[in-house]
Amino acid sequence: MATIEDLFSVMKSSTRRDILKLLMKEDMHISGIARAMKISVPQASKHIKILEEKNLVTKKTFGRTHVLRAKTENIYKILDGFSEEYRIEVEEGTSVLEALKQVAGVRVESLGERNFVISVDGEDGYYIYEVNGELPDISMDKFRLKEDTVVDLKKIVHAKKKRMDIKIIQK
């Protein structure tokens, strides 16, 4: 597993950052990366080797062809290391929402019968929650705590995954 230090050492190189960006969009062969980056294949291989050592890239082999892919889940796990942690105590049966209200900087907004966390420490956005690593299928105000629990509050980050340029065909 890569560490925060690994990520920072990798990110010192703009070439490695750009390679990771490419590989987060699509799987690529080393020569495709070299072409896209306008660098030689040996240079691309050197950077890929570092990314592989830090467990940020994975390689699939098809005969003599190697197709590379970013290990985005490892990048996200590293970034989780920057989150703040709180230890709070509540009575059994308290909702996750009521527990979150004990954490300074959490702002909640009601929409109909549902409540949403819309800001944490002044950072506006929409947030989801996980309980013990699982995404519950009920809202925070309905989920009742019955035992010691770890709740992760995660901001839904606007990160473009796919873009569609849709053209309308006239009939």
N, C-alpha and C. Protein backbone atom coordinates (compact mmCIF):
# COMPACT_ATOMS: atom_id res chain seq x y z
N MET A 1 0.84 -1.19 0.00
CA MET A 1 0.00 0.00 0.00
C MET A 1 0.87 1.24 0.00
N ALA A 2 0.55 2.16 -0.87
CA ALA A 2 1.30 3.41 -0.96
C ALA A 2 0.96 4.30 0.24
N THR A 3 1.91 5.14 0.60
CA THR A 3 1.74 6.06 1.71
C THR A 3 1.63 7.49 1.20
N ILE A 4 1.34 8.42 2.11
CA ILE A 4 1.29 9.83 1.74
C ILE A 4 2.66 10.26 1.22
N GLU A 5 3.72 9.78 1.87
CA GLU A 5 5.07 10.13 1.43
C GLU A 5 5.32 9.63 0.01
N ASP A 6 4.83 8.41 -0.29
CA ASP A 6 4.97 7.86 -1.65
C ASP A 6 4.28 8.77 -2.66
N LEU A 7 3.06 9.19 -2.33
CA LEU A 7 2.31 10.03 -3.25
C LEU A 7 3.04 11.35 -3.50
N PHE A 8 3.55 11.96 -2.42
CA PHE A 8 4.27 13.22 -2.60
C PHE A 8 5.55 13.03 -3.40
N SER A 9 6.26 11.94 -3.18
CA SER A 9 7.50 11.72 -3.94
C SER A 9 7.18 11.52 -5.42
N VAL A 10 6.08 10.85 -5.71
CA VAL A 10 5.66 10.64 -7.10
C VAL A 10 5.21 11.95 -7.72
N MET A 11 4.48 12.76 -6.96
CA MET A 11 3.91 13.98 -7.50
C MET A 11 4.93 15.10 -7.70
N LYS A 12 6.15 14.92 -7.23
CA LYS A 12 7.20 15.92 -7.48
C LYS A 12 7.48 16.05 -8.97
N SER A 13 7.23 14.99 -9.71
CA SER A 13 7.52 14.97 -11.14
C SER A 13 6.24 15.30 -11.93
N SER A 14 6.30 16.37 -12.71
CA SER A 14 5.13 16.72 -13.53
C SER A 14 4.85 15.63 -14.57
N THR A 15 5.89 14.97 -15.02
CA THR A 15 5.70 13.88 -15.99
C THR A 15 4.89 12.75 -15.37
N ARG A 16 5.24 12.35 -14.13
CA ARG A 16 4.49 11.28 -13.47
C ARG A 16 3.06 11.72 -13.17
N ARG A 17 2.88 12.98 -12.80
CA ARG A 17 1.52 13.48 -12.57
C ARG A 17 0.70 13.36 -13.85
N ASP A 18 1.30 13.76 -14.96
CA ASP A 18 0.59 13.71 -16.24
C ASP A 18 0.31 12.27 -16.68
N ILE A 19 1.25 11.37 -16.42
CA ILE A 19 1.03 9.95 -16.74
C ILE A 19 -0.14 9.41 -15.92
N LEU A 20 -0.17 9.74 -14.63
CA LEU A 20 -1.28 9.29 -13.80
C LEU A 20 -2.61 9.83 -14.31
N LYS A 21 -2.63 11.11 -14.72
CA LYS A 21 -3.86 11.69 -15.27
C LYS A 21 -4.31 10.92 -16.50
N LEU A 22 -3.37 10.61 -17.39
CA LEU A 22 -3.70 9.83 -18.58
C LEU A 22 -4.30 8.48 -18.21
N LEU A 23 -3.63 7.80 -17.28
CA LEU A 23 -4.05 6.45 -16.91
C LEU A 23 -5.33 6.44 -16.09
N MET A 24 -5.70 7.56 -15.51
CA MET A 24 -6.98 7.63 -14.80
C MET A 24 -8.13 7.76 -15.79
N LYS A 25 -7.82 8.22 -17.00
CA LYS A 25 -8.84 8.35 -18.04
C LYS A 25 -9.02 7.06 -18.83
N GLU A 26 -7.89 6.38 -19.12
CA GLU A 26 -7.97 5.16 -19.93
C GLU A 26 -6.73 4.30 -19.72
N ASP A 27 -6.89 3.01 -19.97
CA ASP A 27 -5.76 2.09 -19.93
C ASP A 27 -4.92 2.34 -21.17
N MET A 28 -3.60 2.26 -21.01
CA MET A 28 -2.73 2.55 -22.15
C MET A 28 -1.51 1.64 -22.15
N HIS A 29 -0.98 1.43 -23.33
CA HIS A 29 0.29 0.73 -23.54
C HIS A 29 1.41 1.75 -23.33
N ILE A 30 2.58 1.31 -22.95
CA ILE A 30 3.72 2.19 -22.67
C ILE A 30 4.05 3.10 -23.87
N SER A 31 3.97 2.55 -25.07
CA SER A 31 4.29 3.38 -26.25
C SER A 31 3.23 4.46 -26.46
N GLY A 32 1.97 4.17 -26.12
CA GLY A 32 0.91 5.17 -26.21
C GLY A 32 1.14 6.30 -25.22
N ILE A 33 1.61 5.93 -24.03
CA ILE A 33 1.92 6.94 -23.02
C ILE A 33 3.06 7.82 -23.51
N ALA A 34 4.11 7.18 -24.03
CA ALA A 34 5.28 7.93 -24.53
C ALA A 34 4.85 8.91 -25.62
N ARG A 35 4.01 8.43 -26.55
CA ARG A 35 3.53 9.30 -27.64
C ARG A 35 2.72 10.47 -27.08
N ALA A 36 1.80 10.18 -26.19
CA ALA A 36 0.94 11.23 -25.63
C ALA A 36 1.75 12.26 -24.84
N MET A 37 2.80 11.78 -24.19
CA MET A 37 3.63 12.66 -23.35
C MET A 37 4.76 13.33 -24.15
N LYS A 38 4.95 12.86 -25.38
CA LYS A 38 6.05 13.35 -26.22
C LYS A 38 7.40 13.12 -25.55
N ILE A 39 7.55 11.89 -25.02
CA ILE A 39 8.82 11.46 -24.43
C ILE A 39 9.18 10.10 -25.02
N SER A 40 10.40 9.66 -24.80
CA SER A 40 10.82 8.37 -25.34
C SER A 40 10.19 7.23 -24.51
N VAL A 41 10.14 6.05 -25.12
CA VAL A 41 9.62 4.88 -24.41
C VAL A 41 10.48 4.56 -23.19
N PRO A 42 11.83 4.61 -23.27
CA PRO A 42 12.63 4.37 -22.06
C PRO A 42 12.33 5.37 -20.94
N GLN A 43 12.11 6.64 -21.29
CA GLN A 43 11.76 7.63 -20.26
C GLN A 43 10.40 7.29 -19.63
N ALA A 44 9.44 6.95 -20.47
CA ALA A 44 8.11 6.58 -19.97
C ALA A 44 8.22 5.34 -19.07
N SER A 45 9.03 4.37 -19.48
CA SER A 45 9.21 3.15 -18.68
C SER A 45 9.79 3.45 -17.30
N LYS A 46 10.74 4.38 -17.25
CA LYS A 46 11.35 4.76 -15.98
C LYS A 46 10.29 5.33 -15.03
N HIS A 47 9.45 6.20 -15.55
CA HIS A 47 8.40 6.80 -14.72
C HIS A 47 7.35 5.76 -14.32
N ILE A 48 6.98 4.89 -15.24
CA ILE A 48 6.00 3.84 -14.94
C ILE A 48 6.53 2.93 -13.85
N LYS A 49 7.81 2.58 -13.92
CA LYS A 49 8.40 1.71 -12.90
C LYS A 49 8.25 2.32 -11.50
N ILE A 50 8.48 3.61 -11.39
CA ILE A 50 8.33 4.30 -10.10
C ILE A 50 6.87 4.25 -9.65
N LEU A 51 5.96 4.50 -10.57
CA LEU A 51 4.53 4.46 -10.24
C LEU A 51 4.11 3.05 -9.81
N GLU A 52 4.66 2.03 -10.45
CA GLU A 52 4.36 0.65 -10.07
C GLU A 52 4.92 0.33 -8.69
N GLU A 53 6.15 0.76 -8.42
CA GLU A 53 6.78 0.51 -7.11
C GLU A 53 5.97 1.13 -5.98
N LYS A 54 5.34 2.26 -6.25
CA LYS A 54 4.53 2.95 -5.24
C LYS A 54 3.09 2.44 -5.23
N ASN A 55 2.81 1.41 -6.04
CA ASN A 55 1.50 0.77 -6.10
C ASN A 55 0.40 1.73 -6.56
N LEU A 56 0.76 2.63 -7.48
CA LEU A 56 -0.21 3.58 -8.02
C LEU A 56 -0.62 3.23 -9.45
N VAL A 57 0.06 2.24 -10.02
CA VAL A 57 -0.24 1.78 -11.38
C VAL A 57 -0.17 0.26 -11.37
N THR A 58 -1.04 -0.35 -12.14
CA THR A 58 -1.02 -1.81 -12.30
C THR A 58 -0.84 -2.14 -13.77
N LYS A 59 -0.29 -3.30 -14.03
CA LYS A 59 0.02 -3.72 -15.40
C LYS A 59 -0.66 -5.05 -15.68
N LYS A 60 -1.38 -5.11 -16.80
CA LYS A 60 -1.95 -6.36 -17.29
C LYS A 60 -1.11 -6.80 -18.47
N THR A 61 -0.78 -8.08 -18.53
CA THR A 61 0.04 -8.59 -19.61
C THR A 61 -0.80 -9.45 -20.54
N PHE A 62 -0.72 -9.13 -21.82
CA PHE A 62 -1.37 -9.89 -22.88
C PHE A 62 -0.27 -10.33 -23.83
N GLY A 63 0.27 -11.53 -23.64
CA GLY A 63 1.42 -11.98 -24.43
C GLY A 63 2.62 -11.12 -24.09
N ARG A 64 3.13 -10.38 -25.06
CA ARG A 64 4.27 -9.49 -24.82
C ARG A 64 3.83 -8.03 -24.65
N THR A 65 2.53 -7.80 -24.65
CA THR A 65 1.99 -6.45 -24.52
C THR A 65 1.60 -6.18 -23.08
N HIS A 66 1.96 -5.01 -22.58
CA HIS A 66 1.62 -4.60 -21.22
C HIS A 66 0.68 -3.39 -21.29
N VAL A 67 -0.49 -3.53 -20.69
CA VAL A 67 -1.45 -2.43 -20.64
C VAL A 67 -1.49 -1.93 -19.21
N LEU A 68 -1.35 -0.62 -19.07
CA LEU A 68 -1.24 0.01 -17.75
C LEU A 68 -2.53 0.71 -17.36
N ARG A 69 -2.76 0.73 -16.05
CA ARG A 69 -3.96 1.37 -15.50
C ARG A 69 -3.61 2.00 -14.16
N ALA A 70 -4.16 3.18 -13.90
CA ALA A 70 -3.97 3.82 -12.59
C ALA A 70 -4.76 3.06 -11.54
N LYS A 71 -4.17 2.92 -10.36
CA LYS A 71 -4.87 2.29 -9.23
C LYS A 71 -5.51 3.41 -8.42
N THR A 72 -6.61 3.94 -8.95
CA THR A 72 -7.25 5.10 -8.34
C THR A 72 -7.65 4.84 -6.90
N GLU A 73 -8.04 3.61 -6.58
CA GLU A 73 -8.45 3.32 -5.21
C GLU A 73 -7.30 3.56 -4.23
N ASN A 74 -6.06 3.30 -4.64
CA ASN A 74 -4.92 3.56 -3.77
C ASN A 74 -4.66 5.06 -3.62
N ILE A 75 -4.86 5.80 -4.69
CA ILE A 75 -4.70 7.26 -4.62
C ILE A 75 -5.72 7.83 -3.63
N TYR A 76 -6.97 7.38 -3.73
CA TYR A 76 -8.01 7.87 -2.82
C TYR A 76 -7.73 7.46 -1.38
N LYS A 77 -7.24 6.25 -1.17
CA LYS A 77 -6.92 5.80 0.20
C LYS A 77 -5.83 6.68 0.81
N ILE A 78 -4.87 7.07 0.01
CA ILE A 78 -3.81 7.95 0.51
C ILE A 78 -4.41 9.29 0.94
N LEU A 79 -5.29 9.82 0.11
CA LEU A 79 -5.90 11.11 0.41
C LEU A 79 -6.76 11.05 1.67
N ASP A 80 -7.31 9.87 2.00
CA ASP A 80 -8.08 9.71 3.23
C ASP A 80 -7.23 10.02 4.46
N GLY A 81 -5.93 9.89 4.34
CA GLY A 81 -5.03 10.17 5.46
C GLY A 81 -5.03 11.63 5.89
N PHE A 82 -5.60 12.51 5.07
CA PHE A 82 -5.66 13.92 5.40
C PHE A 82 -6.93 14.29 6.19
N SER A 83 -7.82 13.33 6.39
CA SER A 83 -9.09 13.65 7.05
C SER A 83 -8.89 13.84 8.55
N GLU A 84 -9.77 14.67 9.13
CA GLU A 84 -9.75 14.89 10.58
C GLU A 84 -10.50 13.75 11.25
N GLU A 85 -10.08 13.41 12.46
CA GLU A 85 -10.76 12.37 13.21
C GLU A 85 -11.25 12.93 14.54
N TYR A 86 -12.46 12.55 14.92
CA TYR A 86 -13.07 12.98 16.17
C TYR A 86 -13.51 11.76 16.95
N ARG A 87 -13.47 11.86 18.26
CA ARG A 87 -13.99 10.81 19.13
C ARG A 87 -15.10 11.46 19.95
N ILE A 88 -16.33 10.99 19.76
CA ILE A 88 -17.47 11.55 20.49
C ILE A 88 -18.23 10.43 21.18
N GLU A 89 -19.01 10.80 22.19
CA GLU A 89 -19.82 9.83 22.91
C GLU A 89 -21.28 10.23 22.79
N VAL A 90 -22.13 9.26 22.50
CA VAL A 90 -23.58 9.50 22.41
C VAL A 90 -24.29 8.33 23.08
N GLU A 91 -25.55 8.54 23.40
CA GLU A 91 -26.36 7.47 23.98
C GLU A 91 -26.82 6.51 22.89
N GLU A 92 -27.03 5.27 23.26
CA GLU A 92 -27.54 4.27 22.33
C GLU A 92 -28.86 4.76 21.75
N GLY A 93 -29.05 4.58 20.44
CA GLY A 93 -30.27 5.02 19.78
C GLY A 93 -30.18 6.41 19.17
N THR A 94 -29.06 7.10 19.40
CA THR A 94 -28.85 8.41 18.78
C THR A 94 -28.69 8.23 17.27
N SER A 95 -29.23 9.15 16.49
CA SER A 95 -29.07 9.06 15.04
C SER A 95 -27.67 9.52 14.65
N VAL A 96 -27.22 9.05 13.51
CA VAL A 96 -25.93 9.50 12.99
C VAL A 96 -25.95 11.02 12.83
N LEU A 97 -27.08 11.56 12.36
CA LEU A 97 -27.19 13.00 12.17
C LEU A 97 -26.99 13.75 13.48
N GLU A 98 -27.62 13.30 14.56
CA GLU A 98 -27.46 13.96 15.86
C GLU A 98 -26.02 13.85 16.34
N ALA A 99 -25.38 12.72 16.10
CA ALA A 99 -23.97 12.56 16.48
C ALA A 99 -23.10 13.54 15.70
N LEU A 100 -23.37 13.69 14.40
CA LEU A 100 -22.58 14.60 13.56
C LEU A 100 -22.74 16.05 14.01
N LYS A 101 -23.90 16.40 14.53
CA LYS A 101 -24.13 17.77 14.99
C LYS A 101 -23.22 18.14 16.17
N GLN A 102 -22.65 17.13 16.84
CA GLN A 102 -21.73 17.39 17.94
C GLN A 102 -20.33 17.78 17.43
N VAL A 103 -20.10 17.56 16.15
CA VAL A 103 -18.81 17.89 15.55
C VAL A 103 -18.88 19.32 15.02
N ALA A 104 -18.00 20.16 15.52
CA ALA A 104 -18.01 21.57 15.11
C ALA A 104 -17.81 21.69 13.60
N GLY A 105 -18.54 22.61 13.00
CA GLY A 105 -18.33 22.90 11.58
C GLY A 105 -19.21 22.11 10.64
N VAL A 106 -20.08 21.24 11.16
CA VAL A 106 -20.97 20.46 10.30
C VAL A 106 -22.31 21.20 10.19
N ARG A 107 -22.71 21.55 8.95
CA ARG A 107 -23.96 22.26 8.72
C ARG A 107 -24.94 21.35 7.98
N VAL A 108 -26.16 21.29 8.48
CA VAL A 108 -27.18 20.40 7.94
C VAL A 108 -28.32 21.23 7.37
N GLU A 109 -28.91 20.75 6.26
CA GLU A 109 -30.05 21.41 5.66
C GLU A 109 -31.15 20.37 5.45
N SER A 110 -32.41 20.77 5.69
CA SER A 110 -33.54 19.86 5.49
C SER A 110 -34.15 20.12 4.13
N LEU A 111 -34.52 19.03 3.48
CA LEU A 111 -35.21 19.11 2.20
C LEU A 111 -36.34 18.10 2.28
N GLY A 112 -37.55 18.61 2.46
CA GLY A 112 -38.68 17.72 2.69
C GLY A 112 -38.48 17.01 4.02
N GLU A 113 -38.58 15.71 4.00
CA GLU A 113 -38.40 14.92 5.22
C GLU A 113 -36.97 14.44 5.40
N ARG A 114 -36.08 14.79 4.49
CA ARG A 114 -34.70 14.32 4.57
C ARG A 114 -33.77 15.45 4.99
N ASN A 115 -32.70 15.06 5.66
CA ASN A 115 -31.68 16.01 6.09
C ASN A 115 -30.38 15.67 5.40
N PHE A 116 -29.65 16.70 4.99
CA PHE A 116 -28.39 16.52 4.28
C PHE A 116 -27.31 17.37 4.92
N VAL A 117 -26.11 16.82 5.03
CA VAL A 117 -24.95 17.61 5.42
C VAL A 117 -24.54 18.38 4.17
N ILE A 118 -24.50 19.71 4.27
CA ILE A 118 -24.19 20.53 3.09
C ILE A 118 -22.89 21.31 3.24
N SER A 119 -22.30 21.28 4.45
CA SER A 119 -21.06 22.01 4.65
C SER A 119 -20.30 21.41 5.83
N VAL A 120 -19.00 21.28 5.66
CA VAL A 120 -18.12 20.85 6.75
C VAL A 120 -16.96 21.83 6.80
N ASP A 121 -16.78 22.44 7.96
CA ASP A 121 -15.72 23.44 8.15
C ASP A 121 -15.76 24.53 7.08
N GLY A 122 -16.97 24.94 6.69
CA GLY A 122 -17.12 26.01 5.71
C GLY A 122 -16.95 25.56 4.26
N GLU A 123 -16.69 24.28 4.04
CA GLU A 123 -16.52 23.76 2.69
C GLU A 123 -17.87 23.22 2.21
N ASP A 124 -18.55 24.03 1.40
CA ASP A 124 -19.88 23.65 0.92
C ASP A 124 -19.79 22.50 -0.06
N GLY A 125 -20.84 21.72 -0.09
CA GLY A 125 -20.94 20.59 -1.00
C GLY A 125 -21.95 19.61 -0.45
N TYR A 126 -22.05 18.47 -1.05
CA TYR A 126 -22.94 17.44 -0.56
C TYR A 126 -22.10 16.28 -0.06
N TYR A 127 -22.56 15.68 1.02
CA TYR A 127 -21.79 14.66 1.71
C TYR A 127 -22.61 13.40 1.88
N ILE A 128 -21.95 12.27 1.81
CA ILE A 128 -22.57 10.98 2.11
C ILE A 128 -21.89 10.44 3.37
N TYR A 129 -22.46 9.41 3.93
CA TYR A 129 -21.83 8.81 5.11
C TYR A 129 -21.73 7.31 4.95
N GLU A 130 -20.72 6.75 5.58
CA GLU A 130 -20.54 5.30 5.65
C GLU A 130 -20.49 4.92 7.12
N VAL A 131 -21.04 3.77 7.43
CA VAL A 131 -20.99 3.24 8.78
C VAL A 131 -20.19 1.96 8.74
N ASN A 132 -19.08 1.96 9.46
CA ASN A 132 -18.18 0.80 9.48
C ASN A 132 -17.83 0.33 8.07
N GLY A 133 -17.58 1.30 7.19
CA GLY A 133 -17.16 0.99 5.82
C GLY A 133 -18.28 0.63 4.87
N GLU A 134 -19.52 0.66 5.33
CA GLU A 134 -20.66 0.31 4.48
C GLU A 134 -21.52 1.54 4.23
N LEU A 135 -22.10 1.63 3.05
CA LEU A 135 -22.98 2.74 2.69
C LEU A 135 -24.42 2.34 3.04
N PRO A 136 -24.99 2.93 4.10
CA PRO A 136 -26.36 2.57 4.50
C PRO A 136 -27.38 3.00 3.46
N ASP A 137 -28.53 2.34 3.47
CA ASP A 137 -29.58 2.69 2.51
C ASP A 137 -30.67 3.56 3.14
N ILE A 138 -30.39 4.13 4.31
CA ILE A 138 -31.32 5.06 4.94
C ILE A 138 -30.60 6.36 5.27
N SER A 139 -31.37 7.42 5.45
CA SER A 139 -30.78 8.73 5.70
C SER A 139 -30.16 8.80 7.09
N MET A 140 -29.28 9.79 7.27
CA MET A 140 -28.53 9.95 8.51
C MET A 140 -29.43 10.15 9.72
N ASP A 141 -30.57 10.80 9.52
CA ASP A 141 -31.45 11.05 10.65
C ASP A 141 -32.24 9.81 11.06
N LYS A 142 -32.30 8.81 10.20
CA LYS A 142 -33.04 7.58 10.50
C LYS A 142 -32.11 6.46 11.02
N PHE A 143 -30.83 6.54 10.72
CA PHE A 143 -29.89 5.50 11.14
C PHE A 143 -29.58 5.68 12.62
N ARG A 144 -29.96 4.69 13.44
CA ARG A 144 -29.76 4.74 14.88
C ARG A 144 -28.54 3.94 15.29
N LEU A 145 -27.72 4.53 16.14
CA LEU A 145 -26.49 3.89 16.61
C LEU A 145 -26.79 2.96 17.78
N LYS A 146 -26.36 1.71 17.67
CA LYS A 146 -26.64 0.71 18.71
C LYS A 146 -25.38 0.20 19.38
N GLU A 147 -24.22 0.47 18.76
CA GLU A 147 -22.95 0.00 19.31
C GLU A 147 -21.84 0.94 18.86
N ASP A 148 -20.64 0.74 19.39
CA ASP A 148 -19.50 1.55 18.98
C ASP A 148 -19.36 1.44 17.46
N THR A 149 -19.24 2.57 16.81
CA THR A 149 -19.32 2.63 15.35
C THR A 149 -18.33 3.65 14.81
N VAL A 150 -17.82 3.39 13.62
CA VAL A 150 -17.00 4.36 12.91
C VAL A 150 -17.85 4.91 11.76
N VAL A 151 -18.02 6.22 11.77
CA VAL A 151 -18.78 6.90 10.71
C VAL A 151 -17.82 7.76 9.92
N ASP A 152 -17.79 7.56 8.61
CA ASP A 152 -16.98 8.39 7.71
C ASP A 152 -17.91 9.30 6.95
N LEU A 153 -17.64 10.58 7.00
CA LEU A 153 -18.38 11.57 6.24
C LEU A 153 -17.53 11.89 5.02
N LYS A 154 -18.09 11.68 3.82
CA LYS A 154 -17.33 11.86 2.58
C LYS A 154 -18.01 12.87 1.69
N LYS A 155 -17.21 13.84 1.24
CA LYS A 155 -17.74 14.85 0.33
C LYS A 155 -17.84 14.24 -1.07
N ILE A 156 -18.95 14.52 -1.70
CA ILE A 156 -19.11 14.12 -3.09
C ILE A 156 -18.34 15.15 -3.90
N VAL A 157 -17.23 14.74 -4.47
CA VAL A 157 -16.33 15.64 -5.17
C VAL A 157 -16.69 15.65 -6.65
N HIS A 158 -16.77 16.85 -7.18
CA HIS A 158 -17.04 16.99 -8.62
C HIS A 158 -15.75 16.65 -9.37
N ALA A 159 -15.73 15.46 -9.91
CA ALA A 159 -14.58 15.05 -10.71
C ALA A 159 -15.14 14.42 -11.98
N LYS A 160 -14.84 15.02 -13.08
CA LYS A 160 -15.38 14.53 -14.34
C LYS A 160 -14.83 13.15 -14.65
N LYS A 161 -15.71 12.21 -14.82
CA LYS A 161 -15.32 10.85 -15.17
C LYS A 161 -15.56 10.60 -16.66
N LYS A 162 -16.66 11.09 -17.15
CA LYS A 162 -16.99 10.95 -18.57
C LYS A 162 -17.63 12.24 -19.03
N ARG A 163 -17.39 12.57 -20.26
CA ARG A 163 -18.01 13.75 -20.85
C ARG A 163 -18.63 13.33 -22.17
N MET A 164 -19.85 13.77 -22.40
CA MET A 164 -20.53 13.44 -23.63
C MET A 164 -20.87 14.72 -24.37
N ASP A 165 -20.48 14.82 -25.61
CA ASP A 165 -20.85 15.93 -26.47
C ASP A 165 -21.96 15.39 -27.35
N ILE A 166 -23.18 15.71 -27.00
CA ILE A 166 -24.34 15.11 -27.64
C ILE A 166 -24.86 16.03 -28.73
N LYS A 167 -24.97 15.48 -29.93
CA LYS A 167 -25.49 16.22 -31.07
C LYS A 167 -26.89 15.67 -31.39
N ILE A 168 -27.80 16.56 -31.62
CA ILE A 168 -29.16 16.17 -31.95
C ILE A 168 -29.28 16.04 -33.47
N ILE A 169 -29.78 14.92 -33.90
CA ILE A 169 -30.00 14.67 -35.32
C ILE A 169 -31.41 15.13 -35.66
N GLN A 170 -31.54 16.01 -36.62
CA GLN A 170 -32.84 16.48 -37.05
C GLN A 170 -33.49 15.44 -37.95
N LYS A 171 -34.73 15.13 -37.71
CA LYS A 171 -35.46 14.13 -38.52
C LYS A 171 -36.03 14.74 -39.76
